[in-house]
């Protein structure tokens, strides 16, 4: 059992897994591009089926010419807080490669891209930053904006920044600004059987 960051695991794990969480309150301070690239480098070392490395990352740094364009590609409720991040990233996965299994689609491209996002989030925490993954993005607009071809899937957005006091958030988001808990392990891990729920 490990305790950290108002969380407690049922079995011994590294505290890093409890310390990583997805805040919305960011300071808005600049991030060095090299620091962000270190996070992306960690992400791209994630395992992938047949070493296809299907993940693709499109990023913008706060203050860059692309920043407002990236913020506008988030749903409105995420724009409210993510505009104060230091960087925004869109994760895209490649679901088809003519060299993969006789030209068939890769079944695990989203799974692999999700693993890469997890690596990025852990490297962000190790670097003194936090990463908040978002499903609330304009998927189709992102495809059009960046001319993403068929065979690729826009997966998610990520906001990266340094933690700020929750007072920078709207009252609604202040109420949600805490490390979330998890279901008991017994509700998601089953020995020898599957249990829906």
C-alpha atoms as a PDB file:
ATOM      1  CA  UNK A   1       0.000   0.000   0.000  1.00  0.00           C
ATOM      2  CA  UNK A   2       1.339   3.422  -0.973  1.00  0.00           C
ATOM      3  CA  UNK A   3       0.007   6.795   0.208  1.00  0.00           C
ATOM      4  CA  UNK A   4       0.732  10.078  -1.559  1.00  0.00           C
ATOM      5  CA  UNK A   5      -1.097  13.159  -2.848  1.00  0.00           C
ATOM      6  CA  UNK A   6      -4.304  12.365  -0.857  1.00  0.00           C
ATOM      7  CA  UNK A   7      -4.448   9.003  -2.622  1.00  0.00           C
ATOM      8  CA  UNK A   8      -3.815   5.466  -1.507  1.00  0.00           C
ATOM      9  CA  UNK A   9      -3.077   2.392  -3.583  1.00  0.00           C
ATOM     10  CA  UNK A  10      -4.130  -1.082  -2.518  1.00  0.00           C
ATOM     11  CA  UNK A  11      -0.713  -2.544  -3.360  1.00  0.00           C
ATOM     12  CA  UNK A  12       2.818  -1.123  -3.229  1.00  0.00           C
ATOM     13  CA  UNK A  13       3.496   1.111  -6.248  1.00  0.00           C
ATOM     14  CA  UNK A  14       5.834   4.000  -7.002  1.00  0.00           C
ATOM     15  CA  UNK A  15       4.444   7.266  -5.536  1.00  0.00           C
ATOM     16  CA  UNK A  16       4.839   8.892  -8.979  1.00  0.00           C
ATOM     17  CA  UNK A  17       1.660   7.120 -10.111  1.00  0.00           C
ATOM     18  CA  UNK A  18      -0.315   8.728  -7.279  1.00  0.00           C
ATOM     19  CA  UNK A  19       1.368  12.118  -7.604  1.00  0.00           C
ATOM     20  CA  UNK A  20       0.468  12.400 -11.294  1.00  0.00           C
ATOM     21  CA  UNK A  21      -2.965  13.933 -11.768  1.00  0.00           C
ATOM     22  CA  UNK A  22      -4.760  16.191 -14.249  1.00  0.00           C
ATOM     23  CA  UNK A  23      -5.186  19.716 -12.888  1.00  0.00           C
ATOM     24  CA  UNK A  24      -6.879  22.550 -14.724  1.00  0.00           C
ATOM     25  CA  UNK A  25      -5.199  25.408 -12.854  1.00  0.00           C
ATOM     26  CA  UNK A  26      -2.069  26.437 -14.719  1.00  0.00           C
ATOM     27  CA  UNK A  27       0.204  29.455 -14.251  1.00  0.00           C
ATOM     28  CA  UNK A  28       0.464  30.270 -17.952  1.00  0.00           C
ATOM     29  CA  UNK A  29       4.238  30.611 -17.741  1.00  0.00           C
ATOM     30  CA  UNK A  30       6.362  29.775 -20.748  1.00  0.00           C
ATOM     31  CA  UNK A  31       7.924  26.368 -21.231  1.00  0.00           C
ATOM     32  CA  UNK A  32      11.228  25.834 -22.987  1.00  0.00           C
ATOM     33  CA  UNK A  33      10.683  23.933 -26.207  1.00  0.00           C
ATOM     34  CA  UNK A  34      13.486  21.544 -25.225  1.00  0.00           C
ATOM     35  CA  UNK A  35      11.581  20.665 -22.034  1.00  0.00           C
ATOM     36  CA  UNK A  36       8.441  19.864 -23.997  1.00  0.00           C
ATOM     37  CA  UNK A  37      10.476  17.863 -26.501  1.00  0.00           C
ATOM     38  CA  UNK A  38      11.856  15.793 -23.606  1.00  0.00           C
ATOM     39  CA  UNK A  39       8.272  14.882 -22.697  1.00  0.00           C
ATOM     40  CA  UNK A  40       7.509  13.999 -26.305  1.00  0.00           C
ATOM     41  CA  UNK A  41      10.722  11.993 -26.502  1.00  0.00           C
ATOM     42  CA  UNK A  42       9.667   9.964 -23.456  1.00  0.00           C
ATOM     43  CA  UNK A  43       6.270   9.427 -25.087  1.00  0.00           C
ATOM     44  CA  UNK A  44       7.745   8.094 -28.284  1.00  0.00           C
ATOM     45  CA  UNK A  45       9.594   5.349 -26.371  1.00  0.00           C
ATOM     46  CA  UNK A  46       6.279   3.725 -25.450  1.00  0.00           C
ATOM     47  CA  UNK A  47       5.719   0.128 -26.551  1.00  0.00           C
ATOM     48  CA  UNK A  48       3.834  -0.379 -29.782  1.00  0.00           C
ATOM     49  CA  UNK A  49       2.506  -3.324 -31.764  1.00  0.00           C
ATOM     50  CA  UNK A  50       5.051  -4.471 -34.360  1.00  0.00           C
ATOM     51  CA  UNK A  51       7.036  -1.321 -33.475  1.00  0.00           C
ATOM     52  CA  UNK A  52       4.732   0.698 -35.748  1.00  0.00           C
ATOM     53  CA  UNK A  53       4.893   3.748 -33.427  1.00  0.00           C
ATOM     54  CA  UNK A  54       1.507   5.022 -34.630  1.00  0.00           C
ATOM     55  CA  UNK A  55       1.482   8.156 -32.456  1.00  0.00           C
ATOM     56  CA  UNK A  56       1.881  11.609 -33.941  1.00  0.00           C
ATOM     57  CA  UNK A  57       2.025  14.826 -31.898  1.00  0.00           C
ATOM     58  CA  UNK A  58       1.149  18.336 -33.082  1.00  0.00           C
ATOM     59  CA  UNK A  59       2.113  21.001 -30.556  1.00  0.00           C
ATOM     60  CA  UNK A  60       2.129  24.729 -29.883  1.00  0.00           C
ATOM     61  CA  UNK A  61       3.853  26.728 -27.171  1.00  0.00           C
ATOM     62  CA  UNK A  62       2.057  29.521 -25.339  1.00  0.00           C
ATOM     63  CA  UNK A  63       2.938  32.843 -26.936  1.00  0.00           C
ATOM     64  CA  UNK A  64       3.658  31.322 -30.349  1.00  0.00           C
ATOM     65  CA  UNK A  65       1.840  32.346 -33.517  1.00  0.00           C
ATOM     66  CA  UNK A  66      -0.114  29.072 -33.436  1.00  0.00           C
ATOM     67  CA  UNK A  67      -1.354  29.351 -29.842  1.00  0.00           C
ATOM     68  CA  UNK A  68      -4.766  30.927 -30.466  1.00  0.00           C
ATOM     69  CA  UNK A  69      -5.433  28.466 -33.281  1.00  0.00           C
ATOM     70  CA  UNK A  70      -4.768  25.533 -30.916  1.00  0.00           C
ATOM     71  CA  UNK A  71      -6.926  26.986 -28.136  1.00  0.00           C
ATOM     72  CA  UNK A  72      -9.789  27.488 -30.618  1.00  0.00           C
ATOM     73  CA  UNK A  73      -9.657  23.765 -31.456  1.00  0.00           C
ATOM     74  CA  UNK A  74     -10.683  22.834 -27.901  1.00  0.00           C
ATOM     75  CA  UNK A  75     -14.316  22.682 -26.863  1.00  0.00           C
ATOM     76  CA  UNK A  76     -15.395  25.871 -25.105  1.00  0.00           C
ATOM     77  CA  UNK A  77     -15.396  24.410 -21.592  1.00  0.00           C
ATOM     78  CA  UNK A  78     -11.749  23.362 -22.003  1.00  0.00           C
ATOM     79  CA  UNK A  79     -10.705  26.656 -23.610  1.00  0.00           C
ATOM     80  CA  UNK A  80     -11.622  28.401 -20.353  1.00  0.00           C
ATOM     81  CA  UNK A  81      -8.744  26.839 -18.401  1.00  0.00           C
ATOM     82  CA  UNK A  82      -6.409  25.336 -21.045  1.00  0.00           C
ATOM     83  CA  UNK A  83      -5.602  28.787 -22.447  1.00  0.00           C
ATOM     84  CA  UNK A  84      -3.420  29.171 -19.327  1.00  0.00           C
ATOM     85  CA  UNK A  85      -1.323  26.101 -20.106  1.00  0.00           C
ATOM     86  CA  UNK A  86       2.273  26.377 -21.286  1.00  0.00           C
ATOM     87  CA  UNK A  87       1.795  24.039 -24.248  1.00  0.00           C
ATOM     88  CA  UNK A  88      -1.029  22.320 -26.087  1.00  0.00           C
ATOM     89  CA  UNK A  89      -0.638  19.040 -27.928  1.00  0.00           C
ATOM     90  CA  UNK A  90      -2.938  17.058 -30.204  1.00  0.00           C
ATOM     91  CA  UNK A  91      -2.375  13.314 -30.339  1.00  0.00           C
ATOM     92  CA  UNK A  92      -3.054  11.585 -33.636  1.00  0.00           C
ATOM     93  CA  UNK A  93      -2.648   7.879 -34.316  1.00  0.00           C
ATOM     94  CA  UNK A  94      -1.902   6.174 -37.587  1.00  0.00           C
ATOM     95  CA  UNK A  95      -4.376   3.356 -38.062  1.00  0.00           C
ATOM     96  CA  UNK A  96      -3.150   2.124 -41.410  1.00  0.00           C
ATOM     97  CA  UNK A  97       0.238   1.346 -42.860  1.00  0.00           C
ATOM     98  CA  UNK A  98       0.649  -0.568 -46.108  1.00  0.00           C
ATOM     99  CA  UNK A  99       3.563  -2.470 -44.593  1.00  0.00           C
ATOM    100  CA  UNK A 100       1.615  -3.621 -41.556  1.00  0.00           C
ATOM    101  CA  UNK A 101       0.205  -7.136 -41.697  1.00  0.00           C
ATOM    102  CA  UNK A 102      -0.528  -7.239 -45.440  1.00  0.00           C
ATOM    103  CA  UNK A 103      -1.891  -3.708 -45.510  1.00  0.00           C
ATOM    104  CA  UNK A 104      -4.569  -4.283 -42.899  1.00  0.00           C
ATOM    105  CA  UNK A 105      -5.506  -1.704 -40.305  1.00  0.00           C
ATOM    106  CA  UNK A 106      -3.591  -1.708 -37.058  1.00  0.00           C
ATOM    107  CA  UNK A 107      -6.042  -2.832 -34.391  1.00  0.00           C
ATOM    108  CA  UNK A 108      -4.025  -1.336 -31.532  1.00  0.00           C
ATOM    109  CA  UNK A 109      -3.091   2.109 -32.854  1.00  0.00           C
ATOM    110  CA  UNK A 110      -5.291   3.943 -30.329  1.00  0.00           C
ATOM    111  CA  UNK A 111      -4.101   1.684 -27.503  1.00  0.00           C
ATOM    112  CA  UNK A 112      -0.483   2.388 -28.401  1.00  0.00           C
ATOM    113  CA  UNK A 113      -1.051   6.154 -28.694  1.00  0.00           C
ATOM    114  CA  UNK A 114      -2.702   6.079 -25.267  1.00  0.00           C
ATOM    115  CA  UNK A 115       0.362   4.402 -23.830  1.00  0.00           C
ATOM    116  CA  UNK A 116       2.523   7.159 -25.309  1.00  0.00           C
ATOM    117  CA  UNK A 117       0.283   9.775 -23.674  1.00  0.00           C
ATOM    118  CA  UNK A 118       0.786   8.031 -20.336  1.00  0.00           C
ATOM    119  CA  UNK A 119       4.555   8.162 -20.749  1.00  0.00           C
ATOM    120  CA  UNK A 120       4.318  11.876 -21.590  1.00  0.00           C
ATOM    121  CA  UNK A 121       2.237  12.551 -18.474  1.00  0.00           C
ATOM    122  CA  UNK A 122       4.767  10.799 -16.236  1.00  0.00           C
ATOM    123  CA  UNK A 123       7.725  12.626 -17.811  1.00  0.00           C
ATOM    124  CA  UNK A 124       5.852  15.921 -17.377  1.00  0.00           C
ATOM    125  CA  UNK A 125       5.475  15.223 -13.655  1.00  0.00           C
ATOM    126  CA  UNK A 126       9.146  14.288 -13.354  1.00  0.00           C
ATOM    127  CA  UNK A 127       9.976  17.605 -15.074  1.00  0.00           C
ATOM    128  CA  UNK A 128       7.952  19.717 -12.636  1.00  0.00           C
ATOM    129  CA  UNK A 129       4.926  20.087 -14.916  1.00  0.00           C
ATOM    130  CA  UNK A 130       1.477  18.535 -15.145  1.00  0.00           C
ATOM    131  CA  UNK A 131      -0.284  17.182 -18.211  1.00  0.00           C
ATOM    132  CA  UNK A 132      -4.072  17.094 -18.567  1.00  0.00           C
ATOM    133  CA  UNK A 133      -5.495  14.889 -21.308  1.00  0.00           C
ATOM    134  CA  UNK A 134      -8.682  16.054 -23.027  1.00  0.00           C
ATOM    135  CA  UNK A 135     -11.312  14.281 -25.072  1.00  0.00           C
ATOM    136  CA  UNK A 136     -13.098  17.628 -25.401  1.00  0.00           C
ATOM    137  CA  UNK A 137     -11.494  18.793 -28.621  1.00  0.00           C
ATOM    138  CA  UNK A 138     -12.820  19.591 -32.099  1.00  0.00           C
ATOM    139  CA  UNK A 139     -11.764  16.328 -33.741  1.00  0.00           C
ATOM    140  CA  UNK A 140     -13.034  17.045 -37.257  1.00  0.00           C
ATOM    141  CA  UNK A 141     -11.811  20.652 -37.247  1.00  0.00           C
ATOM    142  CA  UNK A 142      -8.378  19.443 -36.178  1.00  0.00           C
ATOM    143  CA  UNK A 143      -8.301  17.016 -39.110  1.00  0.00           C
ATOM    144  CA  UNK A 144      -9.191  19.828 -41.506  1.00  0.00           C
ATOM    145  CA  UNK A 145      -6.908  22.436 -39.921  1.00  0.00           C
ATOM    146  CA  UNK A 146      -3.825  20.247 -40.153  1.00  0.00           C
ATOM    147  CA  UNK A 147      -4.754  18.407 -43.370  1.00  0.00           C
ATOM    148  CA  UNK A 148      -4.630  15.065 -41.583  1.00  0.00           C
ATOM    149  CA  UNK A 149      -5.208  12.365 -44.222  1.00  0.00           C
ATOM    150  CA  UNK A 150      -7.463   9.326 -44.121  1.00  0.00           C
ATOM    151  CA  UNK A 151      -6.061   6.482 -42.091  1.00  0.00           C
ATOM    152  CA  UNK A 152      -5.194   8.726 -39.148  1.00  0.00           C
ATOM    153  CA  UNK A 153      -7.372   9.262 -36.073  1.00  0.00           C
ATOM    154  CA  UNK A 154      -7.373  12.399 -33.927  1.00  0.00           C
ATOM    155  CA  UNK A 155      -7.283  10.881 -30.440  1.00  0.00           C
ATOM    156  CA  UNK A 156      -7.073  13.609 -27.805  1.00  0.00           C
ATOM    157  CA  UNK A 157      -5.600  16.905 -26.694  1.00  0.00           C
ATOM    158  CA  UNK A 158      -3.112  17.513 -23.898  1.00  0.00           C
ATOM    159  CA  UNK A 159      -2.527  20.688 -21.903  1.00  0.00           C
ATOM    160  CA  UNK A 160       0.873  20.959 -20.202  1.00  0.00           C
ATOM    161  CA  UNK A 161       1.755  23.530 -17.573  1.00  0.00           C
ATOM    162  CA  UNK A 162       2.901  24.348 -14.089  1.00  0.00           C
ATOM    163  CA  UNK A 163       0.390  24.060 -11.295  1.00  0.00           C
ATOM    164  CA  UNK A 164      -1.337  27.259 -10.148  1.00  0.00           C
ATOM    165  CA  UNK A 165      -3.644  27.917  -7.236  1.00  0.00           C
ATOM    166  CA  UNK A 166      -7.179  26.838  -8.037  1.00  0.00           C
ATOM    167  CA  UNK A 167      -8.382  30.413  -7.490  1.00  0.00           C
ATOM    168  CA  UNK A 168      -7.462  31.108 -11.144  1.00  0.00           C
ATOM    169  CA  UNK A 169     -10.356  28.845 -12.201  1.00  0.00           C
ATOM    170  CA  UNK A 170     -14.080  29.449 -12.464  1.00  0.00           C
ATOM    171  CA  UNK A 171     -16.103  28.457  -9.407  1.00  0.00           C
ATOM    172  CA  UNK A 172     -17.325  25.354 -11.257  1.00  0.00           C
ATOM    173  CA  UNK A 173     -13.794  24.179 -12.020  1.00  0.00           C
ATOM    174  CA  UNK A 174     -12.499  25.061  -8.557  1.00  0.00           C
ATOM    175  CA  UNK A 175     -14.921  22.483  -7.165  1.00  0.00           C
ATOM    176  CA  UNK A 176     -13.391  19.837  -9.467  1.00  0.00           C
ATOM    177  CA  UNK A 177      -9.738  20.732  -8.828  1.00  0.00           C
ATOM    178  CA  UNK A 178      -8.368  17.831  -6.817  1.00  0.00           C
ATOM    179  CA  UNK A 179      -6.639  14.523  -7.541  1.00  0.00           C
ATOM    180  CA  UNK A 180      -9.410  12.056  -8.338  1.00  0.00           C
ATOM    181  CA  UNK A 181      -9.632   8.679  -6.672  1.00  0.00           C
ATOM    182  CA  UNK A 182      -9.923   5.327  -8.429  1.00  0.00           C
ATOM    183  CA  UNK A 183     -12.328   2.424  -8.211  1.00  0.00           C
ATOM    184  CA  UNK A 184     -11.127  -0.519  -6.137  1.00  0.00           C
ATOM    185  CA  UNK A 185      -8.825  -2.755  -8.156  1.00  0.00           C
ATOM    186  CA  UNK A 186     -11.310  -5.608  -7.727  1.00  0.00           C
ATOM    187  CA  UNK A 187     -13.797  -3.679  -9.908  1.00  0.00           C
ATOM    188  CA  UNK A 188     -11.451  -3.555 -12.906  1.00  0.00           C
ATOM    189  CA  UNK A 189      -9.157  -6.606 -12.609  1.00  0.00           C
ATOM    190  CA  UNK A 190     -10.663 -10.116 -12.721  1.00  0.00           C
ATOM    191  CA  UNK A 191      -8.922 -13.441 -12.306  1.00  0.00           C
ATOM    192  CA  UNK A 192     -10.052 -15.959 -14.914  1.00  0.00           C
ATOM    193  CA  UNK A 193     -13.310 -14.253 -15.854  1.00  0.00           C
ATOM    194  CA  UNK A 194     -14.854 -11.019 -17.101  1.00  0.00           C
ATOM    195  CA  UNK A 195     -17.362  -9.071 -15.040  1.00  0.00           C
ATOM    196  CA  UNK A 196     -19.254  -6.248 -16.736  1.00  0.00           C
ATOM    197  CA  UNK A 197     -19.961  -3.151 -14.749  1.00  0.00           C
END
